[in-house]
Amino acid sequence: MAMPPQQCQELCTDIASVAISAVQMIGVCDYRVSNPLEDVTVTDCVIQESTVSAVSDSQVLVSADVTVDFTAVEASSGEPLSAQCETYLSVVATVATPPATLSAQLPCTPSLTCNARYAGFEPQLSPEIRIGAEEFIITVTGMVSCPNCQAAVVNVQLCPSAD
């Protein structure tokens, strides 16, 4: 038995893809001291936590809590010192190009690494603060990948029966 012609039905859906965007954050970490340290050596730079949150349909805020491990010698006593300098860096990255938008249901994934170098002693952080700081320049680089969606119309129709 022949099937009568079927009407085509249109459904709205999203076509998903993954967009990858390069990320670079540069900042300074100040380790406050009253007297300069000597023989300051960076031993490690660690990203303690990184987060990604949407700020628009196409942009995300990428943030990283960074810890710089270092060794030094206290100038006044000659005692060795192991310490950490902690800071927070963030940057806005564009990860979707219209007409695509970020997916609200699927989270973005950061893949970040950090590098730190000793920048020297800053004798006075500001006129109000009469204390100095050992400074470290931090660079965080990597990628953030985010699911993107683009609206699409799909035509659906019933298949004829095999009877």
Protein backbone atom coordinates (compact mmCIF):
# COMPACT_ATOMS: atom_id res chain seq x y z
CA MET A 1 0.00 0.00 0.00
CA ALA A 2 1.42 3.36 -0.99
CA MET A 3 1.87 6.02 1.66
CA PRO A 4 0.38 9.42 1.05
CA PRO A 5 2.94 12.19 0.59
CA GLN A 6 4.26 13.37 3.94
CA GLN A 7 4.76 16.96 4.89
CA CYS A 8 8.22 18.03 5.78
CA GLN A 9 8.66 19.38 9.29
CA GLU A 10 11.26 21.98 10.29
CA LEU A 11 12.95 21.80 13.67
CA CYS A 12 15.26 24.39 15.17
CA THR A 13 18.44 23.01 16.63
CA ASP A 14 22.03 24.00 17.30
CA ILE A 15 25.12 22.86 15.45
CA ALA A 16 27.90 22.50 18.00
CA SER A 17 31.60 23.05 17.49
CA VAL A 18 34.58 23.74 19.72
CA ALA A 19 36.48 27.01 19.43
CA ILE A 20 40.00 27.33 20.77
CA SER A 21 41.49 30.69 21.68
CA ALA A 22 45.04 31.53 22.73
CA VAL A 23 45.38 33.14 26.16
CA GLN A 24 48.19 35.29 27.55
CA MET A 25 48.20 37.04 30.92
CA ILE A 26 51.09 39.11 32.25
CA GLY A 27 51.26 40.45 35.79
CA VAL A 28 53.41 41.28 38.78
CA CYS A 29 53.56 39.54 42.14
CA ASP A 30 54.82 41.67 45.05
CA TYR A 31 56.35 39.88 48.03
CA ARG A 32 56.41 42.53 50.76
CA VAL A 33 59.61 42.89 52.77
CA SER A 34 61.07 45.60 54.95
CA ASN A 35 64.64 44.99 53.68
CA PRO A 36 65.80 43.69 50.30
CA LEU A 37 66.62 40.00 49.92
CA GLU A 38 69.77 38.68 48.26
CA ASP A 39 70.33 35.85 45.79
CA VAL A 40 66.63 35.60 44.89
CA THR A 41 65.98 32.59 42.65
CA VAL A 42 62.61 31.49 41.24
CA THR A 43 62.19 27.75 41.75
CA ASP A 44 58.68 27.22 40.40
CA CYS A 45 55.54 28.87 39.07
CA VAL A 46 52.30 27.01 39.76
CA ILE A 47 48.72 27.71 38.73
CA GLN A 48 46.76 26.80 41.85
CA GLU A 49 43.36 27.25 40.21
CA SER A 50 42.03 28.49 36.89
CA THR A 51 38.46 29.40 36.02
CA VAL A 52 36.55 30.42 32.93
CA SER A 53 33.28 32.34 33.07
CA ALA A 54 31.18 33.83 30.29
CA VAL A 55 30.98 37.62 30.10
CA SER A 56 28.99 37.78 26.85
CA ASP A 57 27.74 35.53 24.03
CA SER A 58 31.24 35.49 22.53
CA GLN A 59 33.72 36.31 25.33
CA VAL A 60 34.94 34.64 28.52
CA LEU A 61 36.94 35.82 31.52
CA VAL A 62 39.90 33.51 32.09
CA SER A 63 41.38 33.77 35.60
CA ALA A 64 44.31 32.10 37.33
CA ASP A 65 45.52 32.00 40.93
CA VAL A 66 49.30 31.82 40.62
CA THR A 67 51.98 30.97 43.18
CA VAL A 68 55.67 31.76 42.62
CA ASP A 69 58.04 29.67 44.75
CA PHE A 70 61.46 31.19 45.37
CA THR A 71 64.56 30.96 47.51
CA ALA A 72 66.63 33.86 48.82
CA VAL A 73 68.99 34.96 51.56
CA GLU A 74 67.93 37.50 54.18
CA ALA A 75 70.42 40.34 53.83
CA SER A 76 70.41 41.32 57.52
CA SER A 77 70.94 37.83 58.98
CA GLY A 78 72.37 35.80 56.12
CA GLU A 79 69.71 33.15 56.76
CA PRO A 80 68.36 31.17 53.77
CA LEU A 81 64.67 31.69 53.00
CA SER A 82 62.12 29.69 51.02
CA ALA A 83 58.90 31.57 50.33
CA GLN A 84 55.92 31.98 48.01
CA CYS A 85 54.41 34.99 46.31
CA GLU A 86 50.75 34.65 45.36
CA THR A 87 48.70 36.69 42.91
CA TYR A 88 45.60 36.59 40.74
CA LEU A 89 45.63 37.26 36.97
CA SER A 90 42.76 37.52 34.50
CA VAL A 91 42.06 38.35 30.87
CA VAL A 92 39.02 38.49 28.58
CA ALA A 93 39.24 36.18 25.55
CA THR A 94 36.98 36.07 22.49
CA VAL A 95 36.08 32.46 21.72
CA ALA A 96 32.99 32.67 19.51
CA THR A 97 32.54 34.48 16.22
CA PRO A 98 28.96 35.50 15.35
CA PRO A 99 26.59 34.00 14.39
CA ALA A 100 28.01 31.31 16.73
CA THR A 101 27.58 31.84 20.46
CA LEU A 102 28.97 30.23 23.59
CA SER A 103 27.06 27.21 24.84
CA ALA A 104 25.37 27.97 28.16
CA GLN A 105 25.15 24.27 29.07
CA LEU A 106 28.74 23.21 28.42
CA PRO A 107 31.72 24.69 30.30
CA CYS A 108 34.92 26.00 28.76
CA THR A 109 38.20 24.24 29.51
CA PRO A 110 41.46 26.12 30.18
CA SER A 111 44.91 24.64 29.57
CA LEU A 112 47.42 27.07 31.07
CA THR A 113 51.07 27.16 32.12
CA CYS A 114 52.98 29.85 33.97
CA ASN A 115 56.48 31.22 34.00
CA ALA A 116 57.97 33.67 36.48
CA ARG A 117 61.16 35.67 36.68
CA TYR A 118 62.64 37.82 39.40
CA ALA A 119 62.32 41.54 38.62
CA GLY A 120 64.14 43.09 41.58
CA PHE A 121 63.39 45.05 44.71
CA GLU A 122 60.87 47.90 44.71
CA PRO A 123 61.85 50.11 47.70
CA GLN A 124 58.44 51.74 48.16
CA LEU A 125 55.21 50.35 46.73
CA SER A 126 53.39 53.68 47.08
CA PRO A 127 53.67 56.88 49.16
CA GLU A 128 51.10 55.51 51.64
CA ILE A 129 52.88 52.16 52.02
CA ARG A 130 56.33 52.59 53.51
CA ILE A 131 57.37 49.03 52.83
CA GLY A 132 59.14 47.56 49.84
CA ALA A 133 58.61 44.41 47.85
CA GLU A 134 60.53 41.82 45.94
CA GLU A 135 58.83 41.71 42.55
CA PHE A 136 58.25 38.85 40.16
CA ILE A 137 57.00 39.14 36.57
CA ILE A 138 54.53 36.36 35.78
CA THR A 139 53.44 35.21 32.33
CA VAL A 140 50.56 32.76 31.97
CA THR A 141 50.03 31.30 28.50
CA GLY A 142 47.89 28.59 26.99
CA MET A 143 44.54 27.92 25.43
CA VAL A 144 40.89 27.98 26.36
CA SER A 145 38.47 25.75 24.47
CA CYS A 146 34.76 26.45 24.52
CA PRO A 147 31.78 24.72 22.94
CA ASN A 148 30.02 27.04 20.49
CA CYS A 149 26.53 26.72 19.08
CA GLN A 150 25.07 28.05 15.87
CA ALA A 151 21.34 27.97 15.18
CA ALA A 152 20.33 25.75 12.30
CA VAL A 153 17.11 24.51 10.71
CA VAL A 154 16.85 20.80 10.02
CA ASN A 155 14.18 19.32 7.76
CA VAL A 156 12.64 16.12 9.08
CA GLN A 157 10.18 13.84 7.31
CA LEU A 158 8.77 10.37 7.86
CA CYS A 159 10.41 7.53 6.02
CA PRO A 160 8.15 5.42 3.82
CA SER A 161 7.16 2.11 5.31
CA ALA A 162 8.77 -1.07 3.99
CA ASP A 163 5.38 -2.85 3.83
